[in-house]
Protein backbone atom coordinates (compact mmCIF):
# COMPACT_ATOMS: atom_id res chain seq x y z
CA UNK A 1 -61.15 -4.31 -19.46
CA UNK A 2 -58.57 -7.03 -18.92
CA UNK A 3 -56.08 -5.06 -21.01
CA UNK A 4 -56.84 -1.98 -18.89
CA UNK A 5 -56.23 -3.97 -15.69
CA UNK A 6 -53.01 -5.46 -17.02
CA UNK A 7 -51.60 -1.99 -17.61
CA UNK A 8 -51.47 -1.25 -13.88
CA UNK A 9 -48.08 -1.43 -12.17
CA UNK A 10 -49.22 -1.36 -8.56
CA UNK A 11 -52.02 -2.73 -6.43
CA UNK A 12 -52.85 0.86 -5.44
CA UNK A 13 -53.67 1.70 -9.05
CA UNK A 14 -55.79 -1.45 -9.29
CA UNK A 15 -57.75 -0.55 -6.14
CA UNK A 16 -58.41 2.97 -7.40
CA UNK A 17 -59.65 1.57 -10.69
CA UNK A 18 -62.05 -0.91 -9.05
CA UNK A 19 -63.70 1.98 -7.21
CA UNK A 20 -64.30 3.84 -10.45
CA UNK A 21 -65.61 1.09 -12.71
CA UNK A 22 -69.31 0.78 -13.32
CA UNK A 23 -71.28 -1.77 -11.26
CA UNK A 24 -72.47 -3.08 -14.61
CA UNK A 25 -68.92 -4.17 -15.41
CA UNK A 26 -67.74 -5.96 -12.26
CA UNK A 27 -64.22 -7.44 -12.08
CA UNK A 28 -64.34 -11.19 -11.98
CA UNK A 29 -62.11 -13.18 -9.57
CA UNK A 30 -60.06 -14.44 -12.54
CA UNK A 31 -59.46 -10.89 -13.79
CA UNK A 32 -58.46 -9.73 -10.31
CA UNK A 33 -56.04 -12.64 -9.98
CA UNK A 34 -54.43 -11.88 -13.34
CA UNK A 35 -54.12 -8.20 -12.46
CA UNK A 36 -52.53 -8.90 -9.06
CA UNK A 37 -50.02 -11.26 -10.64
CA UNK A 38 -49.19 -8.70 -13.30
CA UNK A 39 -48.69 -5.95 -10.69
CA UNK A 40 -46.30 -8.17 -8.73
CA UNK A 41 -44.38 -8.96 -11.93
CA UNK A 42 -44.06 -5.27 -12.79
CA UNK A 43 -42.85 -4.40 -9.28
CA UNK A 44 -40.21 -7.13 -9.41
CA UNK A 45 -39.24 -6.10 -12.92
CA UNK A 46 -38.67 -2.48 -12.01
CA UNK A 47 -36.98 -3.36 -8.72
CA UNK A 48 -34.57 -5.51 -10.69
CA UNK A 49 -33.94 -2.67 -13.10
CA UNK A 50 -33.09 -0.33 -10.24
CA UNK A 51 -30.72 -2.91 -8.74
CA UNK A 52 -28.98 -3.33 -12.09
CA UNK A 53 -28.56 0.44 -12.36
CA UNK A 54 -26.73 0.46 -9.03
CA UNK A 55 -24.61 -2.53 -10.02
CA UNK A 56 -23.82 -0.91 -13.37
CA UNK A 57 -22.83 2.34 -11.64
CA UNK A 58 -20.50 0.52 -9.21
CA UNK A 59 -19.04 -1.60 -12.00
CA UNK A 60 -18.45 1.49 -14.10
CA UNK A 61 -16.53 3.19 -11.28
CA UNK A 62 -14.39 0.10 -10.73
CA UNK A 63 -13.72 -0.25 -14.47
CA UNK A 64 -12.68 3.40 -14.68
CA UNK A 65 -10.31 2.99 -11.74
CA UNK A 66 -8.81 -0.16 -13.26
CA UNK A 67 -8.43 1.54 -16.63
CA UNK A 68 -6.58 4.43 -14.98
CA UNK A 69 -4.31 1.98 -13.11
CA UNK A 70 -3.46 0.16 -16.35
CA UNK A 71 -2.71 3.51 -18.00
CA UNK A 72 -0.25 4.39 -15.23
CA UNK A 73 1.40 0.95 -15.42
CA UNK A 74 1.69 1.39 -19.19
CA UNK A 75 3.55 4.66 -18.67
CA UNK A 76 5.89 2.97 -16.19
CA UNK A 77 6.58 0.18 -18.70
CA UNK A 78 7.42 2.84 -21.28
CA UNK A 79 9.86 4.53 -18.89
CA UNK A 80 11.51 1.23 -17.97
CA UNK A 81 12.00 0.17 -21.60
CA UNK A 82 13.43 3.57 -22.54
CA UNK A 83 15.87 3.37 -19.62
CA UNK A 84 17.02 -0.25 -19.85
CA UNK A 85 15.73 -2.03 -22.95
CA UNK A 86 13.12 -4.69 -23.71
CA UNK A 87 14.71 -7.72 -22.02
CA UNK A 88 13.25 -8.17 -18.50
CA UNK A 89 16.05 -10.62 -17.68
CA UNK A 90 18.51 -7.73 -17.95
CA UNK A 91 16.19 -4.83 -17.16
CA UNK A 92 15.26 -5.46 -13.51
CA UNK A 93 13.09 -2.37 -13.39
CA UNK A 94 11.02 -3.62 -16.31
CA UNK A 95 10.77 -7.06 -14.74
CA UNK A 96 9.27 -5.69 -11.52
CA UNK A 97 6.74 -3.54 -13.40
CA UNK A 98 5.67 -6.51 -15.55
CA UNK A 99 5.14 -8.54 -12.37
CA UNK A 100 3.00 -5.74 -11.00
CA UNK A 101 0.99 -5.59 -14.23
CA UNK A 102 0.30 -9.33 -14.09
CA UNK A 103 -0.60 -9.15 -10.39
CA UNK A 104 -3.26 -6.55 -11.28
CA UNK A 105 -4.62 -8.74 -14.12
CA UNK A 106 -3.48 -6.41 -16.88
CA UNK A 107 -4.07 -8.20 -20.19
CA UNK A 108 -1.18 -9.58 -22.23
CA UNK A 109 -2.21 -7.43 -25.20
CA UNK A 110 -2.12 -4.25 -23.10
CA UNK A 111 1.34 -5.12 -21.78
CA UNK A 112 2.65 -5.86 -25.27
CA UNK A 113 1.15 -2.63 -26.62
CA UNK A 114 2.88 -0.62 -23.89
CA UNK A 115 6.22 -2.26 -24.66
CA UNK A 116 5.74 -1.72 -28.39
CA UNK A 117 4.92 1.94 -27.81
CA UNK A 118 8.16 2.34 -25.87
CA UNK A 119 10.29 0.60 -28.46
CA UNK A 120 8.88 1.94 -31.75
CA UNK A 121 10.38 4.73 -33.82
CA UNK A 122 8.37 7.37 -31.95
CA UNK A 123 9.75 6.45 -28.53
CA UNK A 124 12.15 9.40 -28.56
CA UNK A 125 9.18 11.76 -28.50
CA UNK A 126 8.26 10.50 -25.02
CA UNK A 127 10.06 12.33 -22.24
CA UNK A 128 10.32 11.93 -18.48
CA UNK A 129 9.49 15.25 -16.85
CA UNK A 130 9.52 16.41 -13.24
CA UNK A 131 7.44 19.29 -11.88
CA UNK A 132 8.09 20.90 -8.51
CA UNK A 133 5.29 22.93 -6.98
CA UNK A 134 3.48 24.15 -3.91
CA UNK A 135 -0.12 23.05 -3.49
CA UNK A 136 -3.05 24.25 -1.36
CA UNK A 137 -2.11 25.00 2.24
CA UNK A 138 1.56 25.33 1.29
CA UNK A 139 2.18 21.60 0.78
CA UNK A 140 5.18 20.67 -1.38
CA UNK A 141 4.82 18.28 -4.32
CA UNK A 142 7.12 16.64 -6.83
CA UNK A 143 5.19 15.31 -9.83
CA UNK A 144 6.61 12.68 -12.18
CA UNK A 145 5.15 12.48 -15.68
CA UNK A 146 5.78 10.95 -19.10
CA UNK A 147 4.70 13.04 -22.07
CA UNK A 148 5.11 13.55 -25.79
CA UNK A 149 4.20 17.23 -25.45
CA UNK A 150 5.55 19.05 -22.41
CA UNK A 151 3.56 22.22 -23.10
CA UNK A 152 0.29 20.28 -22.78
CA UNK A 153 1.31 18.54 -19.57
CA UNK A 154 2.59 21.64 -17.79
CA UNK A 155 -0.57 23.51 -18.80
CA UNK A 156 -2.75 20.82 -17.20
CA UNK A 157 -0.64 20.80 -14.03
CA UNK A 158 -0.81 24.59 -13.74
CA UNK A 159 -4.54 24.57 -14.35
CA UNK A 160 -5.12 22.26 -11.38
CA UNK A 161 -2.90 24.45 -9.20
CA UNK A 162 -4.67 27.63 -10.31
CA UNK A 163 -8.09 26.19 -9.51
CA UNK A 164 -7.27 24.60 -6.16
CA UNK A 165 -4.46 26.81 -4.91
CA UNK A 166 -0.76 26.50 -5.61
CA UNK A 167 2.01 27.36 -8.03
CA UNK A 168 4.98 25.84 -9.83
CA UNK A 169 8.03 26.54 -7.69
CA UNK A 170 11.32 24.95 -6.63
CA UNK A 171 10.69 22.52 -3.75
CA UNK A 172 13.30 19.87 -4.49
CA UNK A 173 15.37 21.00 -1.51
CA UNK A 174 12.54 19.79 0.76
CA UNK A 175 12.98 16.19 -0.44
CA UNK A 176 15.75 13.61 -0.64
CA UNK A 177 15.87 11.28 -3.63
CA UNK A 178 16.32 7.65 -2.63
CA UNK A 179 15.87 4.17 -4.06
CA UNK A 180 13.15 1.86 -2.79
CA UNK A 181 13.05 -1.92 -3.18
CA UNK A 182 10.44 -4.37 -1.93
CA UNK A 183 11.30 -8.05 -2.15
CA UNK A 184 9.93 -11.44 -1.07
CA UNK A 185 11.70 -14.74 -0.25
CA UNK A 186 11.04 -16.06 -3.76
CA UNK A 187 12.92 -19.28 -4.43
CA UNK A 188 15.49 -18.59 -1.70
CA UNK A 189 13.28 -19.97 1.06
CA UNK A 190 14.94 -17.57 3.51
CA UNK A 191 13.42 -16.21 6.70
CA UNK A 192 12.80 -12.51 7.31
CA UNK A 193 15.96 -12.32 9.42
CA UNK A 194 18.04 -13.78 6.61
CA UNK A 195 16.40 -11.42 4.12
CA UNK A 196 17.24 -8.39 6.27
CA UNK A 197 20.84 -9.55 6.62
CA UNK A 198 21.04 -9.89 2.84
CA UNK A 199 19.61 -6.40 2.39
CA UNK A 200 22.19 -4.89 4.77
CA UNK A 201 25.02 -6.71 3.01
CA UNK A 202 23.73 -5.43 -0.35
CA UNK A 203 23.82 -1.81 0.81
CA UNK A 204 20.42 -1.00 2.35
CA UNK A 205 20.27 2.20 4.43
CA UNK A 206 16.91 1.55 6.05
CA UNK A 207 14.83 -1.63 6.39
CA UNK A 208 11.18 -2.33 7.20
CA UNK A 209 9.42 -5.69 7.33
CA UNK A 210 5.78 -6.49 6.63
CA UNK A 211 4.67 -10.13 6.95
CA UNK A 212 6.83 -11.96 4.39
CA UNK A 213 8.09 -8.83 2.61
CA UNK A 214 11.10 -6.62 3.24
CA UNK A 215 11.19 -2.99 2.10
CA UNK A 216 14.53 -1.22 1.91
CA UNK A 217 15.63 2.33 1.24
CA UNK A 218 18.99 2.85 -0.40
CA UNK A 219 21.15 5.37 -2.20
CA UNK A 220 19.43 6.08 -5.52
CA UNK A 221 22.62 5.49 -7.49
CA UNK A 222 22.81 1.96 -6.03
CA UNK A 223 19.21 1.03 -6.84
CA UNK A 224 19.93 -1.13 -9.90
CA UNK A 225 23.00 -2.73 -8.36
CA UNK A 226 21.25 -3.76 -5.12
CA UNK A 227 18.25 -5.07 -7.05
CA UNK A 228 20.51 -7.28 -9.17
CA UNK A 229 22.32 -8.59 -6.08
CA UNK A 230 19.02 -9.60 -4.48
CA UNK A 231 17.80 -11.20 -7.71
CA UNK A 232 20.95 -13.31 -8.05
CA UNK A 233 20.31 -14.58 -4.53
CA UNK A 234 16.93 -15.86 -5.79
CA UNK A 235 14.84 -13.25 -3.99
CA UNK A 236 11.73 -11.97 -5.78
CA UNK A 237 12.01 -8.22 -6.33
CA UNK A 238 8.41 -6.95 -6.40
CA UNK A 239 9.00 -3.21 -6.46
CA UNK A 240 11.94 -1.09 -7.51
CA UNK A 241 11.61 2.67 -7.90
CA UNK A 242 12.93 6.11 -7.11
CA UNK A 243 11.21 7.92 -4.25
CA UNK A 244 11.39 11.48 -2.98
CA UNK A 245 11.31 11.42 0.80
CA UNK A 246 10.23 14.69 2.48
CA UNK A 247 12.74 16.13 4.95
CA UNK A 248 9.86 17.46 7.04
CA UNK A 249 6.16 16.64 6.89
CA UNK A 250 3.21 19.03 7.01
CA UNK A 251 0.22 17.75 8.96
CA UNK A 252 -3.12 19.00 7.65
CA UNK A 253 -5.90 19.05 10.28
CA UNK A 254 -8.40 21.71 9.18
CA UNK A 255 -11.36 19.76 7.67
CA UNK A 256 -11.86 22.16 4.77
CA UNK A 257 -8.17 22.21 3.90
CA UNK A 258 -7.97 18.41 4.24
CA UNK A 259 -10.63 18.07 1.58
CA UNK A 260 -9.01 20.65 -0.69
CA UNK A 261 -5.60 18.98 -0.46
CA UNK A 262 -7.10 15.53 -1.03
CA UNK A 263 -8.97 16.80 -4.08
CA UNK A 264 -5.86 18.49 -5.50
CA UNK A 265 -3.77 15.33 -5.13
CA UNK A 266 -6.49 13.15 -6.61
CA UNK A 267 -7.14 15.38 -9.63
CA UNK A 268 -3.42 15.75 -10.25
CA UNK A 269 -2.87 12.00 -9.94
CA UNK A 270 -5.57 11.37 -12.54
CA UNK A 271 -4.03 13.54 -15.25
CA UNK A 272 -3.19 11.25 -18.16
CA UNK A 273 0.53 12.04 -18.26
CA UNK A 274 1.17 11.93 -14.51
CA UNK A 275 2.82 8.75 -13.25
CA UNK A 276 3.46 9.49 -9.60
CA UNK A 277 3.20 12.24 -6.99
CA UNK A 278 5.49 12.73 -3.99
CA UNK A 279 4.18 15.05 -1.31
CA UNK A 280 5.01 16.18 2.22
CA UNK A 281 1.38 16.49 3.35
CA UNK A 282 0.09 14.19 6.08
CA UNK A 283 -3.69 13.85 5.94
CA UNK A 284 -5.96 12.17 8.49
CA UNK A 285 -5.91 8.40 8.19
CA UNK A 286 -9.27 8.15 6.42
CA UNK A 287 -8.05 10.56 3.72
CA UNK A 288 -4.50 9.28 3.16
CA UNK A 289 -4.47 5.60 2.29
CA UNK A 290 -0.87 5.59 1.10
CA UNK A 291 1.32 6.42 4.10
CA UNK A 292 4.54 6.67 2.09
CA UNK A 293 3.55 9.31 -0.43
CA UNK A 294 0.43 10.60 1.35
CA UNK A 295 -1.41 10.47 -1.98
CA UNK A 296 -5.00 9.18 -1.63
CA UNK A 297 -6.18 6.61 -4.15
CA UNK A 298 -9.58 8.30 -4.09
CA UNK A 299 -10.50 11.71 -2.67
CA UNK A 300 -13.79 12.23 -0.85
CA UNK A 301 -15.36 13.82 -3.92
CA UNK A 302 -13.78 12.26 -7.01
CA UNK A 303 -13.00 14.40 -10.07
CA UNK A 304 -11.58 12.39 -12.93
CA UNK A 305 -10.31 15.11 -15.25
CA UNK A 306 -9.29 18.73 -15.55
CA UNK A 307 -12.38 19.34 -17.68
CA UNK A 308 -14.50 19.05 -14.54
CA UNK A 309 -12.57 21.94 -13.04
CA UNK A 310 -12.96 24.08 -16.16
CA UNK A 311 -16.72 23.93 -15.59
CA UNK A 312 -16.38 25.03 -11.96
CA UNK A 313 -14.78 28.46 -12.06
CA UNK A 314 -16.27 29.37 -8.65
CA UNK A 315 -15.77 26.00 -6.99
CA UNK A 316 -15.51 26.22 -3.21
CA UNK A 317 -14.78 23.10 -1.09
CA UNK A 318 -17.94 22.10 0.80
CA UNK A 319 -17.77 22.50 4.55
CA UNK A 320 -18.17 19.37 6.68
């Protein structure tokens, strides 16, 4: 009987059992105490299991996001090495990307593997490619990618556009290519005012300040030159990249279209070969976390790969 009692996982089961047992086999106080303790243990055990499941699910999502970030940084390292060599003291672009990798806790082995991949004998098979296209709602997008097989990459891009609305088309005329640099005081010890003066003297066309950082926009052809000037003045260059600035923006307000656009950008951004997306869509603030490119880090309903779309031939965005 004690074994039977110990098998219960709730006090409700124990109560039901006590009503069914024969009066000739009464439950002793000791047996009841053991059973109650066991029920409490089982409840705590299974509650803990449920909590761990939630923690594991959250951890898995964070790990997947971090893995995707490291993959994108690895592609950027590859591009930087191909363009300017392995020495970060000479290759300013590589130096800034390595700083970003370290700031995001990317492991030393992962960084070294990315640099090795860019410098080995197969590096020439990796190409920088640019895709221009219209997306859902008529938004314009310029997609930067690094690939060793252009036919695969363009197929994946077209598949996303076919499923969510859009087509490959010339949209470059809607954007202006510029250089972007973000730098901090570094070892200079200069104030924001001094930093802005230095940026103007170096050739900045537009300047924005944010706490102790200065972001400048410049002529793309002067990007490397201005970055080197700032570095020699002991400023810390944290970001250095080409950006495509839309000439006009398209504000998306319809809730259903907002979700479709956000999903398209998110799925496209998560393609393995895609490095960056530039877009002229302006989504509501809760959908567009990145105000510069208007590309959300996470859409409302996250889809991590094109395979998900292949299984949803009749997918229709849910209405809010």
